[in-house]
Amino acid sequence: MPNEQNLALCDQEILEDILSSQKHATAMYNTYSGECKNTTLQGDMLNILRDEHNMQYSVFQEMEKRGWYKTEQAEQTKVDEAKTKFENIKSDF
């Protein structure tokens, strides 16, 4: 019989699981909010989506603070290029 202590998840594993779940939840609510026929329901879905994003961001910040989710600072030229690219795409519509 396995030792229960060996089966316990560490804090990092728990936060990784929560973050993964939040990413999945936001993806689902994003899809659902875009497919609502009723505007009241869509508003509710968008509110839930915002709440889910806020929770996801809180978990992300905690992991980043602990050094468990590393992100690199983007070069300003790359940021400017991406911004220009998407502004051009937007203007095409």
PDB file of N, CA and C in Angstrom:
ATOM      1  N   MET A   1       0.844  -1.182   0.000  1.00  0.00           N
ATOM      2  CA  MET A   1       0.000   0.000   0.000  1.00  0.00           C
ATOM      3  C   MET A   1       0.888   1.244   0.000  1.00  0.00           C
ATOM      4  N   PRO A   2       0.664   2.201  -0.932  1.00  0.00           N
ATOM      5  CA  PRO A   2       1.520   3.391  -1.006  1.00  0.00           C
ATOM      6  C   PRO A   2       1.363   4.278   0.231  1.00  0.00           C
ATOM      7  N   ASN A   3       2.432   4.905   0.584  1.00  0.00           N
ATOM      8  CA  ASN A   3       2.436   5.840   1.691  1.00  0.00           C
ATOM      9  C   ASN A   3       1.690   7.107   1.267  1.00  0.00           C
ATOM     10  N   GLU A   4       0.679   7.527   2.033  1.00  0.00           N
ATOM     11  CA  GLU A   4      -0.120   8.700   1.671  1.00  0.00           C
ATOM     12  C   GLU A   4       0.725   9.951   1.568  1.00  0.00           C
ATOM     13  N   GLN A   5       1.780  10.037   2.346  1.00  0.00           N
ATOM     14  CA  GLN A   5       2.648  11.204   2.302  1.00  0.00           C
ATOM     15  C   GLN A   5       3.331  11.327   0.941  1.00  0.00           C
ATOM     16  N   ASN A   6       3.654  10.226   0.319  1.00  0.00           N
ATOM     17  CA  ASN A   6       4.307  10.233  -0.987  1.00  0.00           C
ATOM     18  C   ASN A   6       3.352  10.653  -2.099  1.00  0.00           C
ATOM     19  N   LEU A   7       2.044  10.552  -1.860  1.00  0.00           N
ATOM     20  CA  LEU A   7       1.048  10.898  -2.872  1.00  0.00           C
ATOM     21  C   LEU A   7       0.653  12.374  -2.829  1.00  0.00           C
ATOM     22  N   ALA A   8       1.049  13.076  -1.802  1.00  0.00           N
ATOM     23  CA  ALA A   8       0.680  14.486  -1.653  1.00  0.00           C
ATOM     24  C   ALA A   8       1.368  15.328  -2.730  1.00  0.00           C
ATOM     25  N   LEU A   9       0.622  16.285  -3.243  1.00  0.00           N
ATOM     26  CA  LEU A   9       1.177  17.206  -4.237  1.00  0.00           C
ATOM     27  C   LEU A   9       1.868  18.365  -3.529  1.00  0.00           C
ATOM     28  N   CYS A  10       2.935  18.843  -4.111  1.00  0.00           N
ATOM     29  CA  CYS A  10       3.604  20.017  -3.549  1.00  0.00           C
ATOM     30  C   CYS A  10       2.876  21.273  -4.028  1.00  0.00           C
ATOM     31  N   ASP A  11       3.179  22.398  -3.426  1.00  0.00           N
ATOM     32  CA  ASP A  11       2.509  23.662  -3.778  1.00  0.00           C
ATOM     33  C   ASP A  11       2.643  23.979  -5.260  1.00  0.00           C
ATOM     34  N   GLN A  12       3.804  23.744  -5.825  1.00  0.00           N
ATOM     35  CA  GLN A  12       4.019  24.051  -7.240  1.00  0.00           C
ATOM     36  C   GLN A  12       3.097  23.201  -8.120  1.00  0.00           C
ATOM     37  N   GLU A  13       2.981  21.926  -7.817  1.00  0.00           N
ATOM     38  CA  GLU A  13       2.113  21.056  -8.605  1.00  0.00           C
ATOM     39  C   GLU A  13       0.649  21.463  -8.486  1.00  0.00           C
ATOM     40  N   ILE A  14       0.250  21.881  -7.309  1.00  0.00           N
ATOM     41  CA  ILE A  14      -1.135  22.325  -7.099  1.00  0.00           C
ATOM     42  C   ILE A  14      -1.411  23.576  -7.921  1.00  0.00           C
ATOM     43  N   LEU A  15      -0.502  24.544  -7.863  1.00  0.00           N
ATOM     44  CA  LEU A  15      -0.697  25.780  -8.629  1.00  0.00           C
ATOM     45  C   LEU A  15      -0.648  25.523 -10.133  1.00  0.00           C
ATOM     46  N   GLU A  16       0.218  24.621 -10.569  1.00  0.00           N
ATOM     47  CA  GLU A  16       0.261  24.269 -11.996  1.00  0.00           C
ATOM     48  C   GLU A  16      -1.072  23.669 -12.439  1.00  0.00           C
ATOM     49  N   ASP A  17      -1.660  22.828 -11.607  1.00  0.00           N
ATOM     50  CA  ASP A  17      -2.952  22.220 -11.922  1.00  0.00           C
ATOM     51  C   ASP A  17      -4.061  23.270 -11.949  1.00  0.00           C
ATOM     52  N   ILE A  18      -4.042  24.174 -10.991  1.00  0.00           N
ATOM     53  CA  ILE A  18      -5.049  25.245 -10.951  1.00  0.00           C
ATOM     54  C   ILE A  18      -4.924  26.131 -12.186  1.00  0.00           C
ATOM     55  N   LEU A  19      -3.694  26.498 -12.542  1.00  0.00           N
ATOM     56  CA  LEU A  19      -3.486  27.360 -13.710  1.00  0.00           C
ATOM     57  C   LEU A  19      -3.968  26.663 -14.982  1.00  0.00           C
ATOM     58  N   SER A  20      -3.659  25.400 -15.112  1.00  0.00           N
ATOM     59  CA  SER A  20      -4.107  24.640 -16.277  1.00  0.00           C
ATOM     60  C   SER A  20      -5.633  24.591 -16.340  1.00  0.00           C
ATOM     61  N   SER A  21      -6.264  24.376 -15.210  1.00  0.00           N
ATOM     62  CA  SER A  21      -7.733  24.344 -15.154  1.00  0.00           C
ATOM     63  C   SER A  21      -8.324  25.703 -15.508  1.00  0.00           C
ATOM     64  N   GLN A  22      -7.712  26.775 -15.010  1.00  0.00           N
ATOM     65  CA  GLN A  22      -8.202  28.127 -15.318  1.00  0.00           C
ATOM     66  C   GLN A  22      -8.065  28.436 -16.801  1.00  0.00           C
ATOM     67  N   LYS A  23      -6.969  28.006 -17.409  1.00  0.00           N
ATOM     68  CA  LYS A  23      -6.798  28.224 -18.849  1.00  0.00           C
ATOM     69  C   LYS A  23      -7.895  27.515 -19.628  1.00  0.00           C
ATOM     70  N   HIS A  24      -8.226  26.313 -19.228  1.00  0.00           N
ATOM     71  CA  HIS A  24      -9.283  25.554 -19.891  1.00  0.00           C
ATOM     72  C   HIS A  24     -10.636  26.244 -19.682  1.00  0.00           C
ATOM     73  N   ALA A  25     -10.907  26.676 -18.459  1.00  0.00           N
ATOM     74  CA  ALA A  25     -12.185  27.331 -18.162  1.00  0.00           C
ATOM     75  C   ALA A  25     -12.345  28.620 -18.964  1.00  0.00           C
ATOM     76  N   THR A  26     -11.296  29.426 -19.050  1.00  0.00           N
ATOM     77  CA  THR A  26     -11.411  30.674 -19.810  1.00  0.00           C
ATOM     78  C   THR A  26     -11.644  30.391 -21.289  1.00  0.00           C
ATOM     79  N   ALA A  27     -11.006  29.360 -21.803  1.00  0.00           N
ATOM     80  CA  ALA A  27     -11.224  29.002 -23.210  1.00  0.00           C
ATOM     81  C   ALA A  27     -12.672  28.603 -23.444  1.00  0.00           C
ATOM     82  N   MET A  28     -13.232  27.838 -22.532  1.00  0.00           N
ATOM     83  CA  MET A  28     -14.624  27.390 -22.687  1.00  0.00           C
ATOM     84  C   MET A  28     -15.594  28.572 -22.582  1.00  0.00           C
ATOM     85  N   TYR A  29     -15.432  29.414 -21.564  1.00  0.00           N
ATOM     86  CA  TYR A  29     -16.328  30.562 -21.416  1.00  0.00           C
ATOM     87  C   TYR A  29     -16.186  31.538 -22.580  1.00  0.00           C
ATOM     88  N   ASN A  30     -14.993  31.661 -23.133  1.00  0.00           N
ATOM     89  CA  ASN A  30     -14.808  32.508 -24.300  1.00  0.00           C
ATOM     90  C   ASN A  30     -15.634  31.977 -25.469  1.00  0.00           C
ATOM     91  N   THR A  31     -15.563  30.679 -25.691  1.00  0.00           N
ATOM     92  CA  THR A  31     -16.353  30.063 -26.766  1.00  0.00           C
ATOM     93  C   THR A  31     -17.845  30.240 -26.506  1.00  0.00           C
ATOM     94  N   TYR A  32     -18.278  29.941 -25.289  1.00  0.00           N
ATOM     95  CA  TYR A  32     -19.699  30.024 -24.960  1.00  0.00           C
ATOM     96  C   TYR A  32     -20.223  31.455 -25.111  1.00  0.00           C
ATOM     97  N   SER A  33     -19.431  32.432 -24.669  1.00  0.00           N
ATOM     98  CA  SER A  33     -19.907  33.826 -24.738  1.00  0.00           C
ATOM     99  C   SER A  33     -20.056  34.293 -26.176  1.00  0.00           C
ATOM    100  N   GLY A  34     -19.265  33.730 -27.072  1.00  0.00           N
ATOM    101  CA  GLY A  34     -19.367  34.099 -28.483  1.00  0.00           C
ATOM    102  C   GLY A  34     -20.505  33.407 -29.206  1.00  0.00           C
ATOM    103  N   GLU A  35     -21.128  32.431 -28.564  1.00  0.00           N
ATOM    104  CA  GLU A  35     -22.180  31.659 -29.215  1.00  0.00           C
ATOM    105  C   GLU A  35     -23.538  31.807 -28.542  1.00  0.00           C
ATOM    106  N   CYS A  36     -23.693  32.845 -27.735  1.00  0.00           N
ATOM    107  CA  CYS A  36     -24.971  33.073 -27.056  1.00  0.00           C
ATOM    108  C   CYS A  36     -25.945  33.791 -27.989  1.00  0.00           C
ATOM    109  N   LYS A  37     -27.142  33.289 -28.047  1.00  0.00           N
ATOM    110  CA  LYS A  37     -28.176  33.917 -28.865  1.00  0.00           C
ATOM    111  C   LYS A  37     -28.845  35.057 -28.095  1.00  0.00           C
ATOM    112  N   ASN A  38     -28.875  34.938 -26.793  1.00  0.00           N
ATOM    113  CA  ASN A  38     -29.528  35.895 -25.919  1.00  0.00           C
ATOM    114  C   ASN A  38     -28.477  36.851 -25.345  1.00  0.00           C
ATOM    115  N   THR A  39     -28.697  38.160 -25.485  1.00  0.00           N
ATOM    116  CA  THR A  39     -27.698  39.138 -25.027  1.00  0.00           C
ATOM    117  C   THR A  39     -27.541  39.158 -23.509  1.00  0.00           C
ATOM    118  N   THR A  40     -28.595  38.856 -22.776  1.00  0.00           N
ATOM    119  CA  THR A  40     -28.481  38.797 -21.318  1.00  0.00           C
ATOM    120  C   THR A  40     -27.572  37.646 -20.904  1.00  0.00           C
ATOM    121  N   LEU A  41     -27.793  36.493 -21.521  1.00  0.00           N
ATOM    122  CA  LEU A  41     -26.936  35.336 -21.250  1.00  0.00           C
ATOM    123  C   LEU A  41     -25.495  35.628 -21.662  1.00  0.00           C
ATOM    124  N   GLN A  42     -25.320  36.291 -22.791  1.00  0.00           N
ATOM    125  CA  GLN A  42     -23.972  36.624 -23.240  1.00  0.00           C
ATOM    126  C   GLN A  42     -23.290  37.543 -22.225  1.00  0.00           C
ATOM    127  N   GLY A  43     -24.027  38.513 -21.712  1.00  0.00           N
ATOM    128  CA  GLY A  43     -23.455  39.400 -20.695  1.00  0.00           C
ATOM    129  C   GLY A  43     -23.020  38.635 -19.458  1.00  0.00           C
ATOM    130  N   ASP A  44     -23.851  37.669 -19.043  1.00  0.00           N
ATOM    131  CA  ASP A  44     -23.494  36.832 -17.892  1.00  0.00           C
ATOM    132  C   ASP A  44     -22.238  36.016 -18.180  1.00  0.00           C
ATOM    133  N   MET A  45     -22.178  35.448 -19.368  1.00  0.00           N
ATOM    134  CA  MET A  45     -21.001  34.654 -19.743  1.00  0.00           C
ATOM    135  C   MET A  45     -19.745  35.526 -19.777  1.00  0.00           C
ATOM    136  N   LEU A  46     -19.873  36.742 -20.290  1.00  0.00           N
ATOM    137  CA  LEU A  46     -18.720  37.642 -20.340  1.00  0.00           C
ATOM    138  C   LEU A  46     -18.271  38.046 -18.940  1.00  0.00           C
ATOM    139  N   ASN A  47     -19.224  38.208 -18.012  1.00  0.00           N
ATOM    140  CA  ASN A  47     -18.865  38.510 -16.628  1.00  0.00           C
ATOM    141  C   ASN A  47     -18.121  37.339 -15.992  1.00  0.00           C
ATOM    142  N   ILE A  48     -18.613  36.123 -16.242  1.00  0.00           N
ATOM    143  CA  ILE A  48     -17.934  34.938 -15.726  1.00  0.00           C
ATOM    144  C   ILE A  48     -16.550  34.826 -16.352  1.00  0.00           C
ATOM    145  N   LEU A  49     -16.453  35.080 -17.658  1.00  0.00           N
ATOM    146  CA  LEU A  49     -15.162  35.028 -18.345  1.00  0.00           C
ATOM    147  C   LEU A  49     -14.171  35.999 -17.712  1.00  0.00           C
ATOM    148  N   ARG A  50     -14.619  37.215 -17.425  1.00  0.00           N
ATOM    149  CA  ARG A  50     -13.742  38.199 -16.774  1.00  0.00           C
ATOM    150  C   ARG A  50     -13.283  37.685 -15.413  1.00  0.00           C
ATOM    151  N   ASP A  51     -14.206  37.125 -14.634  1.00  0.00           N
ATOM    152  CA  ASP A  51     -13.842  36.584 -13.323  1.00  0.00           C
ATOM    153  C   ASP A  51     -12.829  35.449 -13.452  1.00  0.00           C
ATOM    154  N   GLU A  52     -13.040  34.578 -14.439  1.00  0.00           N
ATOM    155  CA  GLU A  52     -12.113  33.466 -14.658  1.00  0.00           C
ATOM    156  C   GLU A  52     -10.728  33.978 -15.044  1.00  0.00           C
ATOM    157  N   HIS A  53     -10.689  35.009 -15.904  1.00  0.00           N
ATOM    158  CA  HIS A  53      -9.396  35.599 -16.275  1.00  0.00           C
ATOM    159  C   HIS A  53      -8.710  36.212 -15.058  1.00  0.00           C
ATOM    160  N   ASN A  54      -9.467  36.865 -14.199  1.00  0.00           N
ATOM    161  CA  ASN A  54      -8.886  37.459 -12.993  1.00  0.00           C
ATOM    162  C   ASN A  54      -8.296  36.387 -12.079  1.00  0.00           C
ATOM    163  N   MET A  55      -9.015  35.263 -11.937  1.00  0.00           N
ATOM    164  CA  MET A  55      -8.498  34.166 -11.116  1.00  0.00           C
ATOM    165  C   MET A  55      -7.241  33.577 -11.745  1.00  0.00           C
ATOM    166  N   GLN A  56      -7.270  33.395 -13.054  1.00  0.00           N
ATOM    167  CA  GLN A  56      -6.103  32.853 -13.759  1.00  0.00           C
ATOM    168  C   GLN A  56      -4.904  33.768 -13.565  1.00  0.00           C
ATOM    169  N   TYR A  57      -5.118  35.058 -13.674  1.00  0.00           N
ATOM    170  CA  TYR A  57      -4.019  36.009 -13.528  1.00  0.00           C
ATOM    171  C   TYR A  57      -3.454  35.990 -12.105  1.00  0.00           C
ATOM    172  N   SER A  58      -4.317  35.825 -11.110  1.00  0.00           N
ATOM    173  CA  SER A  58      -3.848  35.750  -9.719  1.00  0.00           C
ATOM    174  C   SER A  58      -2.949  34.546  -9.509  1.00  0.00           C
ATOM    175  N   VAL A  59      -3.340  33.408 -10.068  1.00  0.00           N
ATOM    176  CA  VAL A  59      -2.521  32.201  -9.951  1.00  0.00           C
ATOM    177  C   VAL A  59      -1.196  32.401 -10.695  1.00  0.00           C
ATOM    178  N   PHE A  60      -1.280  32.966 -11.898  1.00  0.00           N
ATOM    179  CA  PHE A  60      -0.072  33.250 -12.681  1.00  0.00           C
ATOM    180  C   PHE A  60       0.886  34.138 -11.883  1.00  0.00           C
ATOM    181  N   GLN A  61       0.371  35.211 -11.283  1.00  0.00           N
ATOM    182  CA  GLN A  61       1.217  36.120 -10.511  1.00  0.00           C
ATOM    183  C   GLN A  61       1.883  35.403  -9.340  1.00  0.00           C
ATOM    184  N   GLU A  62       1.124  34.550  -8.656  1.00  0.00           N
ATOM    185  CA  GLU A  62       1.685  33.817  -7.517  1.00  0.00           C
ATOM    186  C   GLU A  62       2.795  32.880  -7.979  1.00  0.00           C
ATOM    187  N   MET A  63       2.574  32.192  -9.090  1.00  0.00           N
ATOM    188  CA  MET A  63       3.604  31.287  -9.605  1.00  0.00           C
ATOM    189  C   MET A  63       4.836  32.059 -10.058  1.00  0.00           C
ATOM    190  N   GLU A  64       4.619  33.175 -10.715  1.00  0.00           N
ATOM    191  CA  GLU A  64       5.744  34.000 -11.176  1.00  0.00           C
ATOM    192  C   GLU A  64       6.537  34.529  -9.986  1.00  0.00           C
ATOM    193  N   LYS A  65       5.827  34.965  -8.949  1.00  0.00           N
ATOM    194  CA  LYS A  65       6.475  35.482  -7.737  1.00  0.00           C
ATOM    195  C   LYS A  65       7.381  34.427  -7.095  1.00  0.00           C
ATOM    196  N   ARG A  66       6.948  33.175  -7.153  1.00  0.00           N
ATOM    197  CA  ARG A  66       7.717  32.080  -6.550  1.00  0.00           C
ATOM    198  C   ARG A  66       8.785  31.510  -7.494  1.00  0.00           C
ATOM    199  N   GLY A  67       8.835  32.050  -8.718  1.00  0.00           N
ATOM    200  CA  GLY A  67       9.828  31.580  -9.673  1.00  0.00           C
ATOM    201  C   GLY A  67       9.431  30.306 -10.393  1.00  0.00           C
ATOM    202  N   TRP A  68       8.138  29.955 -10.350  1.00  0.00           N
ATOM    203  CA  TRP A  68       7.658  28.721 -10.967  1.00  0.00           C
ATOM    204  C   TRP A  68       7.071  28.940 -12.353  1.00  0.00           C
ATOM    205  N   TYR A  69       6.976  30.173 -12.777  1.00  0.00           N
ATOM    206  CA  TYR A  69       6.474  30.502 -14.120  1.00  0.00           C
ATOM    207  C   TYR A  69       7.296  31.684 -14.600  1.00  0.00           C
ATOM    208  N   LYS A  70       8.293  31.381 -15.370  1.00  0.00           N
ATOM    209  CA  LYS A  70       9.210  32.429 -15.814  1.00  0.00           C
ATOM    210  C   LYS A  70       8.766  32.978 -17.169  1.00  0.00           C
ATOM    211  N   THR A  71       8.785  34.277 -17.276  1.00  0.00           N
ATOM    212  CA  THR A  71       8.501  34.948 -18.545  1.00  0.00           C
ATOM    213  C   THR A  71       9.660  35.884 -18.853  1.00  0.00           C
ATOM    214  N   GLU A  72       9.899  36.065 -20.131  1.00  0.00           N
ATOM    215  CA  GLU A  72      10.976  36.962 -20.546  1.00  0.00           C
ATOM    216  C   GLU A  72      10.390  38.306 -20.961  1.00  0.00           C
ATOM    217  N   GLN A  73      11.138  39.351 -20.686  1.00  0.00           N
ATOM    218  CA  GLN A  73      10.744  40.692 -21.118  1.00  0.00           C
ATOM    219  C   GLN A  73      10.907  40.787 -22.630  1.00  0.00           C
ATOM    220  N   ALA A  74       9.862  41.224 -23.307  1.00  0.00           N
ATOM    221  CA  ALA A  74       9.926  41.358 -24.760  1.00  0.00           C
ATOM    222  C   ALA A  74      10.702  42.623 -25.130  1.00  0.00           C
ATOM    223  N   GLU A  75      11.456  42.523 -26.218  1.00  0.00           N
ATOM    224  CA  GLU A  75      12.153  43.700 -26.723  1.00  0.00           C
ATOM    225  C   GLU A  75      11.114  44.685 -27.253  1.00  0.00           C
ATOM    226  N   GLN A  76      11.333  45.964 -27.026  1.00  0.00           N
ATOM    227  CA  GLN A  76      10.369  46.987 -27.446  1.00  0.00           C
ATOM    228  C   GLN A  76      10.125  46.950 -28.953  1.00  0.00           C
ATOM    229  N   THR A  77      11.160  46.651 -29.735  1.00  0.00           N
ATOM    230  CA  THR A  77      10.976  46.596 -31.188  1.00  0.00           C
ATOM    231  C   THR A  77      10.020  45.467 -31.563  1.00  0.00           C
ATOM    232  N   LYS A  78      10.095  44.337 -30.876  1.00  0.00           N
ATOM    233  CA  LYS A  78       9.182  43.218 -31.140  1.00  0.00           C
ATOM    234  C   LYS A  78       7.752  43.584 -30.749  1.00  0.00           C
ATOM    235  N   VAL A  79       7.602  44.283 -29.646  1.00  0.00           N
ATOM    236  CA  VAL A  79       6.273  44.730 -29.215  1.00  0.00           C
ATOM    237  C   VAL A  79       5.692  45.681 -30.254  1.00  0.00           C
ATOM    238  N   ASP A  80       6.491  46.625 -30.701  1.00  0.00           N
ATOM    239  CA  ASP A  80       6.033  47.585 -31.708  1.00  0.00           C
ATOM    240  C   ASP A  80       5.661  46.891 -33.017  1.00  0.00           C
ATOM    241  N   GLU A  81       6.456  45.904 -33.429  1.00  0.00           N
ATOM    242  CA  GLU A  81       6.154  45.165 -34.658  1.00  0.00           C
ATOM    243  C   GLU A  81       4.829  44.419 -34.544  1.00  0.00           C
ATOM    244  N   ALA A  82       4.601  43.776 -33.413  1.00  0.00           N
ATOM    245  CA  ALA A  82       3.348  43.038 -33.205  1.00  0.00           C
ATOM    246  C   ALA A  82       2.162  43.991 -33.177  1.00  0.00           C
ATOM    247  N   LYS A  83       2.330  45.120 -32.523  1.00  0.00           N
ATOM    248  CA  LYS A  83       1.253  46.115 -32.449  1.00  0.00           C
ATOM    249  C   LYS A  83       0.903  46.617 -33.844  1.00  0.00           C
ATOM    250  N   THR A  84       1.910  46.945 -34.631  1.00  0.00           N
ATOM    251  CA  THR A  84       1.682  47.425 -35.999  1.00  0.00           C
ATOM    252  C   THR A  84       0.997  46.362 -36.843  1.00  0.00           C
ATOM    253  N   LYS A  85       1.454  45.131 -36.712  1.00  0.00           N
ATOM    254  CA  LYS A  85       0.875  44.021 -37.477  1.00  0.00           C
ATOM    255  C   LYS A  85      -0.620  43.889 -37.192  1.00  0.00           C
ATOM    256  N   PHE A  86      -0.998  43.904 -35.932  1.00  0.00           N
ATOM    257  CA  PHE A  86      -2.401  43.709 -35.587  1.00  0.00           C
ATOM    258  C   PHE A  86      -3.245  44.959 -35.842  1.00  0.00           C
ATOM    259  N   GLU A  87      -2.645  46.119 -35.773  1.00  0.00           N
ATOM    260  CA  GLU A  87      -3.379  47.328 -36.168  1.00  0.00           C
ATOM    261  C   GLU A  87      -3.687  47.292 -37.652  1.00  0.00           C
ATOM    262  N   ASN A  88      -2.749  46.794 -38.466  1.00  0.00           N
ATOM    263  CA  ASN A  88      -2.967  46.674 -39.899  1.00  0.00           C
ATOM    264  C   ASN A  88      -4.059  45.652 -40.209  1.00  0.00           C
ATOM    265  N   ILE A  89      -4.051  44.551 -39.488  1.00  0.00           N
ATOM    266  CA  ILE A  89      -5.092  43.533 -39.682  1.00  0.00           C
ATOM    267  C   ILE A  89      -6.458  44.107 -39.309  1.00  0.00           C
ATOM    268  N   LYS A  90      -6.496  44.833 -38.213  1.00  0.00           N
ATOM    269  CA  LYS A  90      -7.746  45.451 -37.746  1.00  0.00           C
ATOM    270  C   LYS A  90      -8.279  46.439 -38.779  1.00  0.00           C
ATOM    271  N   SER A  91      -7.391  47.209 -39.371  1.00  0.00           N
ATOM    272  CA  SER A  91      -7.832  48.219 -40.336  1.00  0.00           C
ATOM    273  C   SER A  91      -8.344  47.598 -41.653  1.00  0.00           C
ATOM    274  N   ASP A  92      -7.961  46.349 -41.907  1.00  0.00           N
ATOM    275  CA  ASP A  92      -8.433  45.643 -43.093  1.00  0.00           C
ATOM    276  C   ASP A  92      -9.909  45.265 -42.989  1.00  0.00           C
ATOM    277  N   PHE A  93     -10.422  45.206 -41.775  1.00  0.00           N
ATOM    278  CA  PHE A  93     -11.827  44.824 -41.579  1.00  0.00           C
ATOM    279  C   PHE A  93     -12.653  46.033 -41.675  1.00  0.00           C
TER     280      PHE A  93
END
